[in-house]
N, C-alpha and C. Protein backbone atom coordinates (compact mmCIF):
# COMPACT_ATOMS: atom_id res chain seq x y z
N MET A 1 0.84 -1.17 0.00
CA MET A 1 -0.04 0.05 0.09
C MET A 1 0.80 1.32 0.08
N GLY A 2 0.38 2.24 -0.63
CA GLY A 2 1.13 3.52 -0.61
C GLY A 2 0.62 4.41 -1.69
N GLY A 3 1.43 5.34 -2.02
CA GLY A 3 1.02 6.34 -3.09
C GLY A 3 -0.30 7.05 -2.80
N ILE A 4 -1.17 7.15 -3.75
CA ILE A 4 -2.45 7.86 -3.57
C ILE A 4 -3.46 6.85 -3.29
N ASP A 5 -3.25 5.58 -3.10
CA ASP A 5 -4.35 4.68 -2.86
C ASP A 5 -5.28 5.03 -1.76
N ARG A 6 -4.72 5.36 -0.60
CA ARG A 6 -5.49 5.72 0.60
C ARG A 6 -6.34 6.97 0.27
N LEU A 7 -5.70 7.87 -0.46
CA LEU A 7 -6.47 9.15 -0.82
C LEU A 7 -7.74 8.92 -1.58
N ILE A 8 -7.75 7.98 -2.50
CA ILE A 8 -8.88 7.76 -3.40
C ILE A 8 -9.65 6.57 -3.01
N ALA A 9 -9.29 5.71 -1.96
CA ALA A 9 -9.93 4.51 -1.60
C ALA A 9 -11.33 4.57 -1.42
N LYS A 10 -11.84 5.58 -0.60
CA LYS A 10 -13.26 5.65 -0.23
C LYS A 10 -14.10 6.00 -1.50
N ALA A 11 -13.55 7.01 -2.32
CA ALA A 11 -14.31 7.40 -3.54
C ALA A 11 -14.31 6.28 -4.51
N LEU A 12 -13.18 5.61 -4.70
CA LEU A 12 -13.16 4.50 -5.71
C LEU A 12 -14.06 3.33 -5.27
N SER A 13 -14.07 3.08 -3.95
CA SER A 13 -14.92 1.85 -3.50
C SER A 13 -16.35 2.28 -3.79
N GLN A 14 -16.75 3.51 -3.59
CA GLN A 14 -18.15 3.85 -3.96
C GLN A 14 -18.42 3.70 -5.36
N LYS A 15 -17.55 4.05 -6.29
CA LYS A 15 -17.80 3.91 -7.70
C LYS A 15 -17.87 2.44 -8.03
N ILE A 16 -17.01 1.56 -7.49
CA ILE A 16 -17.09 0.22 -7.77
C ILE A 16 -18.44 -0.38 -7.33
N LYS A 17 -18.88 -0.06 -6.12
CA LYS A 17 -20.18 -0.49 -5.65
C LYS A 17 -21.26 -0.05 -6.51
N GLN A 18 -21.24 1.19 -7.06
CA GLN A 18 -22.26 1.77 -7.96
C GLN A 18 -22.35 0.92 -9.26
N LYS A 19 -21.23 0.52 -9.75
CA LYS A 19 -21.12 -0.05 -11.12
C LYS A 19 -21.49 -1.53 -11.04
N LEU A 20 -21.41 -2.16 -9.95
CA LEU A 20 -21.78 -3.64 -9.86
C LEU A 20 -23.21 -3.86 -9.53
N ASP A 21 -23.77 -4.92 -10.07
CA ASP A 21 -25.28 -5.20 -9.66
C ASP A 21 -25.25 -5.79 -8.27
N GLU A 22 -26.40 -5.90 -7.62
CA GLU A 22 -26.51 -6.28 -6.28
C GLU A 22 -25.87 -7.65 -5.98
N ASP A 23 -26.07 -8.56 -6.83
CA ASP A 23 -25.49 -9.97 -6.70
C ASP A 23 -24.00 -9.94 -6.75
N GLU A 24 -23.43 -9.25 -7.83
CA GLU A 24 -22.03 -9.18 -8.01
C GLU A 24 -21.35 -8.53 -6.74
N LEU A 25 -22.00 -7.51 -6.21
CA LEU A 25 -21.47 -6.85 -5.08
C LEU A 25 -21.46 -7.68 -3.88
N LYS A 26 -22.45 -8.36 -3.61
CA LYS A 26 -22.50 -9.29 -2.45
C LYS A 26 -21.44 -10.39 -2.63
N ILE A 27 -21.27 -10.90 -3.80
CA ILE A 27 -20.16 -11.90 -3.99
C ILE A 27 -18.84 -11.41 -3.71
N LEU A 28 -18.67 -10.20 -4.34
CA LEU A 28 -17.36 -9.47 -4.19
C LEU A 28 -16.95 -9.25 -2.68
N GLU A 29 -17.97 -8.65 -1.96
CA GLU A 29 -17.75 -8.37 -0.59
C GLU A 29 -17.51 -9.60 0.21
N ARG A 30 -18.29 -10.68 -0.02
CA ARG A 30 -18.12 -11.91 0.75
C ARG A 30 -16.69 -12.53 0.43
N GLU A 31 -16.34 -12.65 -0.85
CA GLU A 31 -15.00 -13.23 -1.18
C GLU A 31 -13.85 -12.43 -0.61
N LEU A 32 -13.92 -11.12 -0.67
CA LEU A 32 -12.86 -10.27 -0.08
C LEU A 32 -12.80 -10.53 1.34
N PHE A 33 -13.86 -10.69 2.04
CA PHE A 33 -13.92 -10.78 3.53
C PHE A 33 -13.44 -12.26 3.82
N LEU A 34 -13.89 -13.31 3.10
CA LEU A 34 -13.55 -14.60 3.46
C LEU A 34 -12.06 -15.00 3.12
N GLU A 35 -11.56 -14.48 2.01
CA GLU A 35 -10.30 -14.80 1.60
C GLU A 35 -9.20 -13.84 2.10
N HIS A 36 -9.54 -12.69 2.37
CA HIS A 36 -8.45 -11.71 2.74
C HIS A 36 -8.85 -10.91 4.03
N GLY A 37 -10.14 -11.06 4.58
CA GLY A 37 -10.46 -10.34 5.72
C GLY A 37 -10.61 -8.83 5.58
N MET A 38 -11.00 -8.39 4.39
CA MET A 38 -11.02 -6.91 4.12
C MET A 38 -12.21 -6.41 3.42
N SER A 39 -12.50 -5.17 3.58
CA SER A 39 -13.63 -4.58 2.82
C SER A 39 -13.17 -4.15 1.46
N ILE A 40 -14.03 -3.67 0.64
CA ILE A 40 -13.64 -3.08 -0.76
C ILE A 40 -12.79 -1.98 -0.57
N LYS A 41 -13.08 -1.03 0.35
CA LYS A 41 -12.28 0.24 0.62
C LYS A 41 -10.85 -0.21 0.99
N LEU A 42 -10.67 -1.14 1.89
CA LEU A 42 -9.30 -1.63 2.34
C LEU A 42 -8.58 -2.31 1.21
N SER A 43 -9.38 -3.13 0.36
CA SER A 43 -8.75 -3.84 -0.69
C SER A 43 -8.15 -2.97 -1.76
N ILE A 44 -8.66 -1.74 -1.87
CA ILE A 44 -8.10 -0.77 -2.78
C ILE A 44 -6.65 -0.34 -2.36
N GLU A 45 -6.48 -0.26 -1.14
CA GLU A 45 -5.12 -0.05 -0.54
C GLU A 45 -4.17 -1.22 -0.73
N HIS A 46 -4.70 -2.40 -0.98
CA HIS A 46 -3.97 -3.58 -1.21
C HIS A 46 -4.60 -4.20 -2.55
N PHE A 47 -4.39 -3.45 -3.62
CA PHE A 47 -5.13 -3.67 -4.87
C PHE A 47 -4.89 -5.04 -5.49
N ASP A 48 -3.87 -5.63 -5.28
CA ASP A 48 -3.60 -7.01 -5.85
C ASP A 48 -4.60 -7.98 -5.34
N LYS A 49 -5.08 -7.82 -4.05
CA LYS A 49 -6.08 -8.72 -3.50
C LYS A 49 -7.49 -8.55 -4.09
N LEU A 50 -7.79 -7.23 -4.33
CA LEU A 50 -9.06 -6.82 -5.06
C LEU A 50 -9.09 -7.41 -6.50
N ASN A 51 -7.91 -7.20 -7.13
CA ASN A 51 -7.86 -7.65 -8.48
C ASN A 51 -7.96 -9.16 -8.57
N LEU A 52 -7.33 -9.92 -7.67
CA LEU A 52 -7.42 -11.34 -7.70
C LEU A 52 -8.95 -11.84 -7.49
N VAL A 53 -9.62 -11.20 -6.53
CA VAL A 53 -11.08 -11.53 -6.31
C VAL A 53 -11.89 -11.21 -7.58
N LEU A 54 -11.65 -10.01 -8.09
CA LEU A 54 -12.36 -9.64 -9.35
C LEU A 54 -12.21 -10.57 -10.45
N LYS A 55 -10.95 -11.13 -10.58
CA LYS A 55 -10.57 -12.12 -11.63
C LYS A 55 -11.41 -13.36 -11.44
N ASN A 56 -11.59 -13.76 -10.26
CA ASN A 56 -12.32 -15.03 -9.93
C ASN A 56 -13.82 -14.99 -10.03
N ILE A 57 -14.37 -13.77 -9.87
CA ILE A 57 -15.86 -13.71 -9.72
C ILE A 57 -16.65 -12.96 -10.87
N LEU A 58 -15.85 -12.02 -11.59
CA LEU A 58 -16.58 -11.29 -12.59
C LEU A 58 -16.22 -11.76 -13.99
N ASN A 59 -17.16 -11.76 -14.78
CA ASN A 59 -17.02 -12.11 -16.27
C ASN A 59 -16.94 -10.79 -17.08
N LEU A 60 -15.92 -10.02 -16.81
CA LEU A 60 -15.78 -8.74 -17.52
C LEU A 60 -14.28 -8.31 -17.48
N ASN A 61 -14.01 -7.35 -18.43
CA ASN A 61 -12.69 -6.94 -18.51
C ASN A 61 -12.28 -6.14 -17.28
N ARG A 62 -11.49 -6.73 -16.40
CA ARG A 62 -11.19 -6.03 -15.12
C ARG A 62 -10.52 -4.74 -15.25
N LYS A 63 -9.53 -4.69 -16.19
CA LYS A 63 -8.75 -3.50 -16.36
C LYS A 63 -9.69 -2.32 -16.82
N LYS A 64 -10.57 -2.65 -17.74
CA LYS A 64 -11.55 -1.62 -18.26
C LYS A 64 -12.49 -1.23 -17.17
N PHE A 65 -12.99 -2.17 -16.44
CA PHE A 65 -13.88 -1.90 -15.33
C PHE A 65 -13.25 -0.99 -14.32
N VAL A 66 -12.10 -1.29 -13.96
CA VAL A 66 -11.40 -0.50 -12.82
C VAL A 66 -11.03 0.90 -13.38
N ASN A 67 -10.57 0.86 -14.63
CA ASN A 67 -10.18 2.18 -15.21
C ASN A 67 -11.43 3.14 -15.41
N GLU A 68 -12.60 2.50 -15.67
CA GLU A 68 -13.88 3.30 -15.78
C GLU A 68 -14.14 3.97 -14.39
N CYS A 69 -14.04 3.11 -13.38
CA CYS A 69 -14.39 3.56 -11.99
C CYS A 69 -13.31 4.64 -11.58
N LEU A 70 -12.07 4.46 -11.92
CA LEU A 70 -10.92 5.29 -11.57
C LEU A 70 -11.07 6.71 -12.29
N ASN A 71 -11.50 6.69 -13.57
CA ASN A 71 -11.76 7.86 -14.29
C ASN A 71 -12.85 8.68 -13.82
N GLU A 72 -13.76 8.13 -12.96
CA GLU A 72 -14.76 8.94 -12.33
C GLU A 72 -14.32 9.53 -11.06
N VAL A 73 -13.20 9.14 -10.58
CA VAL A 73 -12.59 9.68 -9.30
C VAL A 73 -11.52 10.71 -9.56
N ILE A 74 -10.48 10.40 -10.38
CA ILE A 74 -9.38 11.18 -10.70
C ILE A 74 -9.07 11.09 -12.22
N LYS A 75 -8.33 12.11 -12.67
CA LYS A 75 -7.78 12.13 -14.09
C LYS A 75 -6.28 12.28 -13.88
N ILE A 76 -5.49 11.52 -14.55
CA ILE A 76 -4.07 11.59 -14.47
C ILE A 76 -3.44 11.81 -15.74
N GLN A 77 -2.49 12.86 -15.73
CA GLN A 77 -1.78 13.02 -17.01
C GLN A 77 -0.32 13.13 -16.65
N ARG A 78 0.57 12.50 -17.45
CA ARG A 78 2.02 12.59 -17.32
C ARG A 78 2.46 13.95 -17.75
N LYS A 79 3.37 14.60 -16.99
CA LYS A 79 3.97 15.88 -17.34
C LYS A 79 5.38 15.72 -17.06
N GLY A 80 6.17 15.33 -18.02
CA GLY A 80 7.63 15.18 -17.74
C GLY A 80 7.92 14.00 -16.80
N ASP A 81 8.64 14.23 -15.80
CA ASP A 81 8.88 13.18 -14.79
C ASP A 81 7.92 13.08 -13.67
N LYS A 82 6.76 13.89 -13.73
CA LYS A 82 5.74 13.96 -12.77
C LYS A 82 4.45 13.63 -13.32
N TYR A 83 3.44 13.59 -12.47
CA TYR A 83 2.08 13.32 -13.01
C TYR A 83 1.10 14.21 -12.26
N SER A 84 0.23 14.82 -13.15
CA SER A 84 -0.75 15.67 -12.68
C SER A 84 -2.06 14.98 -12.46
N VAL A 85 -2.65 15.16 -11.16
CA VAL A 85 -3.80 14.41 -10.68
C VAL A 85 -4.87 15.40 -10.53
N ARG A 86 -5.98 15.32 -11.32
CA ARG A 86 -7.14 16.23 -11.02
C ARG A 86 -8.25 15.31 -10.36
N ILE A 87 -8.75 15.90 -9.30
CA ILE A 87 -9.79 15.26 -8.51
C ILE A 87 -11.10 15.52 -9.23
N ILE A 88 -11.89 14.50 -9.49
CA ILE A 88 -13.17 14.55 -10.30
C ILE A 88 -14.28 14.29 -9.29
N ASP A 89 -14.13 13.25 -8.46
CA ASP A 89 -15.28 12.88 -7.56
C ASP A 89 -15.57 14.08 -6.57
N GLN A 90 -16.89 14.44 -6.54
CA GLN A 90 -17.32 15.55 -5.77
C GLN A 90 -17.05 15.41 -4.20
N ASN A 91 -17.37 14.10 -3.72
CA ASN A 91 -17.17 13.94 -2.30
C ASN A 91 -15.72 14.04 -1.93
N LEU A 92 -14.82 13.44 -2.66
CA LEU A 92 -13.41 13.49 -2.40
C LEU A 92 -12.93 15.00 -2.53
N LEU A 93 -13.42 15.67 -3.53
CA LEU A 93 -13.14 17.15 -3.63
C LEU A 93 -13.57 17.90 -2.43
N ASP A 94 -14.84 17.70 -1.97
CA ASP A 94 -15.29 18.42 -0.84
C ASP A 94 -14.36 18.14 0.44
N SER A 95 -14.04 16.87 0.59
CA SER A 95 -13.24 16.51 1.83
C SER A 95 -11.88 17.14 1.76
N LEU A 96 -11.24 17.11 0.54
CA LEU A 96 -9.96 17.83 0.45
C LEU A 96 -9.98 19.32 0.68
N LEU A 97 -11.09 19.96 0.18
CA LEU A 97 -11.26 21.37 0.33
C LEU A 97 -11.38 21.74 1.80
N VAL A 98 -12.15 20.84 2.53
CA VAL A 98 -12.27 21.11 3.98
C VAL A 98 -10.89 20.91 4.71
N LEU A 99 -10.09 19.89 4.28
CA LEU A 99 -8.76 19.80 4.91
C LEU A 99 -7.88 20.96 4.61
N CYS A 100 -7.89 21.45 3.25
CA CYS A 100 -7.00 22.44 2.86
C CYS A 100 -7.55 23.83 3.38
N GLY A 101 -8.81 23.88 3.78
CA GLY A 101 -9.40 25.08 4.30
C GLY A 101 -8.88 25.53 5.69
N ASP A 102 -8.35 24.55 6.43
CA ASP A 102 -7.86 24.74 7.72
C ASP A 102 -6.42 25.30 7.75
N ASN A 103 -6.08 26.44 8.39
CA ASN A 103 -4.91 27.22 8.41
C ASN A 103 -3.73 26.32 8.89
N GLU A 104 -3.94 25.64 10.01
CA GLU A 104 -2.94 24.78 10.60
C GLU A 104 -2.56 23.62 9.63
N THR A 105 -3.52 22.99 9.08
CA THR A 105 -3.31 21.94 8.18
C THR A 105 -2.52 22.33 6.99
N ARG A 106 -2.85 23.47 6.45
CA ARG A 106 -2.08 24.03 5.35
C ARG A 106 -0.67 24.27 5.73
N GLN A 107 -0.39 24.76 6.89
CA GLN A 107 0.99 24.96 7.37
C GLN A 107 1.75 23.67 7.44
N MET A 108 1.06 22.59 7.99
CA MET A 108 1.65 21.24 7.97
C MET A 108 2.10 20.79 6.62
N LEU A 109 1.01 20.88 5.64
CA LEU A 109 1.23 20.44 4.33
C LEU A 109 2.46 21.19 3.67
N ASN A 110 2.48 22.50 3.89
CA ASN A 110 3.52 23.34 3.35
C ASN A 110 4.98 22.76 3.83
N CYS A 111 5.08 22.35 5.08
CA CYS A 111 6.25 21.75 5.61
C CYS A 111 6.71 20.46 4.79
N LEU A 112 5.61 19.75 4.41
CA LEU A 112 5.89 18.32 3.97
C LEU A 112 5.91 18.30 2.34
N PHE A 113 5.77 19.42 1.68
CA PHE A 113 5.90 19.39 0.24
C PHE A 113 7.26 19.01 -0.20
N GLU A 114 8.31 19.58 0.42
CA GLU A 114 9.68 19.40 0.07
C GLU A 114 10.42 18.46 1.01
N ASN A 115 9.98 18.33 2.28
CA ASN A 115 10.74 17.62 3.21
C ASN A 115 10.05 16.34 3.70
N GLU A 116 10.81 15.40 4.21
CA GLU A 116 10.32 14.21 5.01
C GLU A 116 10.52 14.50 6.40
N LEU A 117 9.53 14.59 7.26
CA LEU A 117 9.68 14.93 8.58
C LEU A 117 8.85 14.01 9.57
N THR A 118 9.45 13.90 10.77
CA THR A 118 8.72 13.05 11.77
C THR A 118 7.57 13.97 12.35
N ILE A 119 6.62 13.44 13.07
CA ILE A 119 5.45 14.19 13.59
C ILE A 119 6.06 15.34 14.54
N PRO A 120 6.95 15.11 15.43
CA PRO A 120 7.47 16.26 16.23
C PRO A 120 8.07 17.31 15.40
N GLN A 121 8.80 16.94 14.31
CA GLN A 121 9.39 17.93 13.45
C GLN A 121 8.38 18.76 12.75
N ILE A 122 7.30 18.08 12.26
CA ILE A 122 6.23 18.78 11.58
C ILE A 122 5.59 19.92 12.51
N LEU A 123 5.25 19.50 13.78
CA LEU A 123 4.66 20.34 14.64
C LEU A 123 5.62 21.49 14.95
N SER A 124 6.81 21.26 15.11
CA SER A 124 7.88 22.31 15.44
C SER A 124 7.97 23.27 14.37
N GLU A 125 8.14 22.79 13.07
CA GLU A 125 8.42 23.58 11.90
C GLU A 125 7.25 24.42 11.53
N ALA A 126 5.94 23.76 11.61
CA ALA A 126 4.78 24.55 11.34
C ALA A 126 4.25 25.37 12.52
N GLN A 127 4.83 25.27 13.65
CA GLN A 127 4.51 25.95 14.87
C GLN A 127 3.05 25.79 15.29
N ILE A 128 2.86 24.55 15.32
CA ILE A 128 1.44 24.07 15.69
C ILE A 128 1.40 23.51 17.13
N PRO A 129 0.41 23.72 17.91
CA PRO A 129 0.36 23.21 19.24
C PRO A 129 0.18 21.63 19.17
N LYS A 130 0.80 20.93 20.18
CA LYS A 130 0.76 19.49 20.08
C LYS A 130 -0.67 18.96 20.17
N THR A 131 -1.45 19.66 20.94
CA THR A 131 -2.85 19.10 21.28
C THR A 131 -3.64 18.89 19.92
N SER A 132 -3.75 19.97 19.18
CA SER A 132 -4.59 19.90 17.98
C SER A 132 -3.74 19.31 16.86
N GLY A 133 -2.35 19.50 16.84
CA GLY A 133 -1.50 19.02 15.83
C GLY A 133 -1.51 17.50 15.55
N TYR A 134 -1.45 16.76 16.66
CA TYR A 134 -1.46 15.31 16.45
C TYR A 134 -2.74 14.78 15.82
N ARG A 135 -3.87 15.42 16.33
CA ARG A 135 -5.14 15.07 15.82
C ARG A 135 -5.19 15.36 14.23
N LYS A 136 -4.70 16.48 13.94
CA LYS A 136 -4.83 16.91 12.43
C LYS A 136 -3.83 16.07 11.68
N ILE A 137 -2.71 15.73 12.13
CA ILE A 137 -1.78 14.87 11.40
C ILE A 137 -2.42 13.51 11.25
N GLU A 138 -3.01 12.92 12.24
CA GLU A 138 -3.71 11.62 12.15
C GLU A 138 -4.81 11.71 11.10
N ASN A 139 -5.60 12.80 11.09
CA ASN A 139 -6.54 13.07 9.99
C ASN A 139 -5.96 13.09 8.59
N LEU A 140 -4.90 13.76 8.46
CA LEU A 140 -4.19 13.83 7.17
C LEU A 140 -3.73 12.50 6.65
N ILE A 141 -3.23 11.60 7.62
CA ILE A 141 -2.77 10.31 7.37
C ILE A 141 -3.94 9.37 6.88
N ILE A 142 -5.05 9.45 7.70
CA ILE A 142 -6.26 8.74 7.49
C ILE A 142 -6.80 9.03 6.02
N ASN A 143 -6.83 10.34 5.73
CA ASN A 143 -7.35 10.73 4.41
C ASN A 143 -6.33 10.67 3.25
N GLY A 144 -5.18 10.17 3.51
CA GLY A 144 -4.21 9.88 2.47
C GLY A 144 -3.45 11.09 1.93
N LEU A 145 -3.57 12.24 2.60
CA LEU A 145 -2.79 13.37 2.09
C LEU A 145 -1.27 13.34 2.45
N ILE A 146 -0.99 12.74 3.53
CA ILE A 146 0.34 12.51 3.87
C ILE A 146 0.59 10.99 4.00
N VAL A 147 1.78 10.59 3.61
CA VAL A 147 2.09 9.15 3.56
C VAL A 147 3.48 8.90 4.28
N GLU A 148 3.64 7.75 4.86
CA GLU A 148 4.90 7.40 5.52
C GLU A 148 5.94 7.25 4.45
N SER A 149 7.12 7.90 4.68
CA SER A 149 8.11 7.88 3.51
C SER A 149 9.33 7.13 4.06
N GLY A 150 9.34 6.72 5.28
CA GLY A 150 10.52 5.91 5.83
C GLY A 150 10.52 6.02 7.37
N LYS A 151 11.68 5.49 7.87
CA LYS A 151 11.85 5.50 9.35
C LYS A 151 13.16 6.03 9.67
N VAL A 152 13.25 6.69 10.89
CA VAL A 152 14.43 7.30 11.36
C VAL A 152 14.64 6.75 12.81
N LEU A 153 15.86 6.65 13.25
CA LEU A 153 16.16 6.16 14.63
C LEU A 153 16.24 7.33 15.54
N SER A 154 15.48 7.36 16.60
CA SER A 154 15.51 8.43 17.55
C SER A 154 15.44 7.88 18.96
N GLU A 155 16.40 8.05 19.77
CA GLU A 155 16.45 7.53 21.14
C GLU A 155 16.18 6.10 21.17
N SER A 156 16.83 5.36 20.23
CA SER A 156 16.77 3.95 20.04
C SER A 156 15.35 3.40 19.70
N LYS A 157 14.49 4.30 19.17
CA LYS A 157 13.16 3.86 18.67
C LYS A 157 13.06 4.29 17.15
N ARG A 158 12.37 3.48 16.43
CA ARG A 158 12.15 3.80 15.11
C ARG A 158 10.94 4.61 14.90
N ILE A 159 11.05 5.79 14.38
CA ILE A 159 10.00 6.77 14.28
C ILE A 159 9.78 7.01 12.71
N SER A 160 8.47 7.02 12.38
CA SER A 160 8.05 7.26 10.97
C SER A 160 8.29 8.69 10.53
N LYS A 161 8.80 8.78 9.28
CA LYS A 161 8.83 10.04 8.61
C LYS A 161 7.76 10.19 7.61
N TYR A 162 7.24 11.36 7.38
CA TYR A 162 6.08 11.54 6.53
C TYR A 162 6.30 12.56 5.47
N LYS A 163 5.64 12.50 4.40
CA LYS A 163 5.73 13.42 3.20
C LYS A 163 4.37 13.64 2.71
N CYS A 164 4.12 14.81 2.12
CA CYS A 164 2.76 14.95 1.44
C CYS A 164 2.78 14.10 0.25
N VAL A 165 1.62 13.63 -0.07
CA VAL A 165 1.49 12.78 -1.26
C VAL A 165 1.63 13.55 -2.55
N PHE A 166 1.35 14.83 -2.51
CA PHE A 166 1.50 15.79 -3.60
C PHE A 166 2.78 16.63 -3.46
N ASP A 167 3.41 16.90 -4.58
CA ASP A 167 4.57 17.88 -4.63
C ASP A 167 4.00 19.30 -4.68
N GLU A 168 2.91 19.48 -5.18
CA GLU A 168 2.25 20.81 -5.25
C GLU A 168 0.70 20.60 -5.33
N ILE A 169 -0.04 21.53 -4.73
CA ILE A 169 -1.51 21.54 -4.96
C ILE A 169 -1.93 22.89 -5.47
N LYS A 170 -2.90 22.81 -6.37
CA LYS A 170 -3.41 24.01 -7.06
C LYS A 170 -4.93 23.92 -6.99
N ILE A 171 -5.60 24.91 -6.35
CA ILE A 171 -6.99 24.97 -6.30
C ILE A 171 -7.41 26.16 -7.17
N GLU A 172 -8.34 26.00 -8.06
CA GLU A 172 -8.89 26.94 -8.89
C GLU A 172 -10.47 27.00 -8.72
N MET A 173 -10.92 28.18 -8.58
CA MET A 173 -12.47 28.34 -8.53
C MET A 173 -12.85 29.22 -9.78
N LYS A 174 -13.76 28.48 -10.55
CA LYS A 174 -14.25 29.20 -11.77
C LYS A 174 -15.73 29.15 -11.56
N LYS A 175 -16.45 29.90 -12.39
CA LYS A 175 -17.95 29.88 -12.27
C LYS A 175 -18.43 28.47 -12.27
N ASN A 176 -19.18 28.00 -11.24
CA ASN A 176 -19.84 26.70 -11.19
C ASN A 176 -18.75 25.56 -11.30
N ASP A 177 -17.57 25.72 -11.04
CA ASP A 177 -16.53 24.73 -10.98
C ASP A 177 -15.36 25.02 -10.10
N ILE A 178 -14.95 23.96 -9.35
CA ILE A 178 -13.78 24.06 -8.54
C ILE A 178 -12.95 22.95 -9.01
N VAL A 179 -11.65 23.33 -9.31
CA VAL A 179 -10.62 22.39 -9.77
C VAL A 179 -9.58 22.14 -8.72
N PHE A 180 -9.44 20.97 -8.34
CA PHE A 180 -8.37 20.51 -7.29
C PHE A 180 -7.37 19.73 -8.10
N GLN A 181 -6.03 20.30 -8.28
CA GLN A 181 -5.08 19.64 -9.15
C GLN A 181 -3.93 19.48 -8.16
N GLY A 182 -3.37 18.27 -8.17
CA GLY A 182 -2.14 17.95 -7.50
C GLY A 182 -1.09 17.30 -8.35
N VAL A 183 0.16 17.56 -8.01
CA VAL A 183 1.17 16.99 -8.75
C VAL A 183 2.00 15.91 -7.89
N ILE A 184 2.05 14.77 -8.43
CA ILE A 184 2.73 13.61 -7.75
C ILE A 184 4.02 13.18 -8.42
N ASN A 185 5.05 12.79 -7.74
CA ASN A 185 6.24 12.44 -8.46
C ASN A 185 6.17 10.92 -8.85
N GLU A 186 7.13 10.50 -9.56
CA GLU A 186 7.12 9.15 -10.09
C GLU A 186 7.28 8.15 -8.99
N GLN A 187 7.88 8.42 -7.93
CA GLN A 187 7.91 7.40 -6.82
C GLN A 187 6.53 7.12 -6.21
N ILE A 188 5.84 8.31 -5.91
CA ILE A 188 4.48 8.12 -5.34
C ILE A 188 3.64 7.37 -6.37
N TYR A 189 3.73 7.74 -7.66
CA TYR A 189 3.01 7.05 -8.76
C TYR A 189 3.19 5.53 -8.72
N ASP A 190 4.42 5.23 -8.62
CA ASP A 190 4.86 3.79 -8.70
C ASP A 190 4.33 3.05 -7.49
N LYS A 191 4.23 3.73 -6.38
CA LYS A 191 3.79 3.03 -5.10
C LYS A 191 2.28 2.80 -5.21
N SER A 192 1.54 3.50 -6.05
CA SER A 192 0.19 3.52 -6.07
C SER A 192 -0.33 2.15 -6.88
N THR A 193 -0.91 1.23 -6.14
CA THR A 193 -1.19 -0.08 -6.65
C THR A 193 -2.43 -0.03 -7.50
N CYS A 194 -3.34 0.84 -7.34
CA CYS A 194 -4.56 0.82 -8.15
C CYS A 194 -4.44 1.59 -9.47
N ILE A 195 -3.30 2.25 -9.73
CA ILE A 195 -3.11 3.02 -11.09
C ILE A 195 -2.22 2.10 -11.90
N ASP A 196 -2.58 1.95 -13.06
CA ASP A 196 -1.78 1.21 -14.08
C ASP A 196 -1.53 -0.28 -13.64
N PHE A 197 -2.56 -0.92 -13.11
CA PHE A 197 -2.25 -2.24 -12.62
C PHE A 197 -2.20 -3.34 -13.79
């Protein structure tokens, strides 16, 4: 698991559920749970398992099916050695706008665009109080906006380092349209299991 999988997992699982008929959905959910002990949303973060179950139960082109669902959530374009990701799904867009609307969250994201930092380093650099900071960082991790990028040894303990999933974020507001565009690097793209499977 990694890359942008966690960021899009909830929205992509909803699209998959909408596109399957009731019987196929029950079979998919049952097989995922029995074979791997996971929901559709969690299986998107471990996409090889979802792909395996889809292969066994559905009589359709899996790649085409998943790409159709994915294209209703995000659009990806390669730009040099980076990838531009435009958020299409309205629910995902709304949740990202709420996260980016918070001043302290924006400060934390700004620290993580270029750097890989531990949680105490993030709080120190962004000058955020620990009380609210830990909660906001946990929320960013759960929503997939920041990902673990490695470990560092501190006082004989291994502590996680984090990085923003995007190298840059651009939000545009036009009449009747809000565009949320993020740029991811090749490393994040390659770690994303649900893209280009």
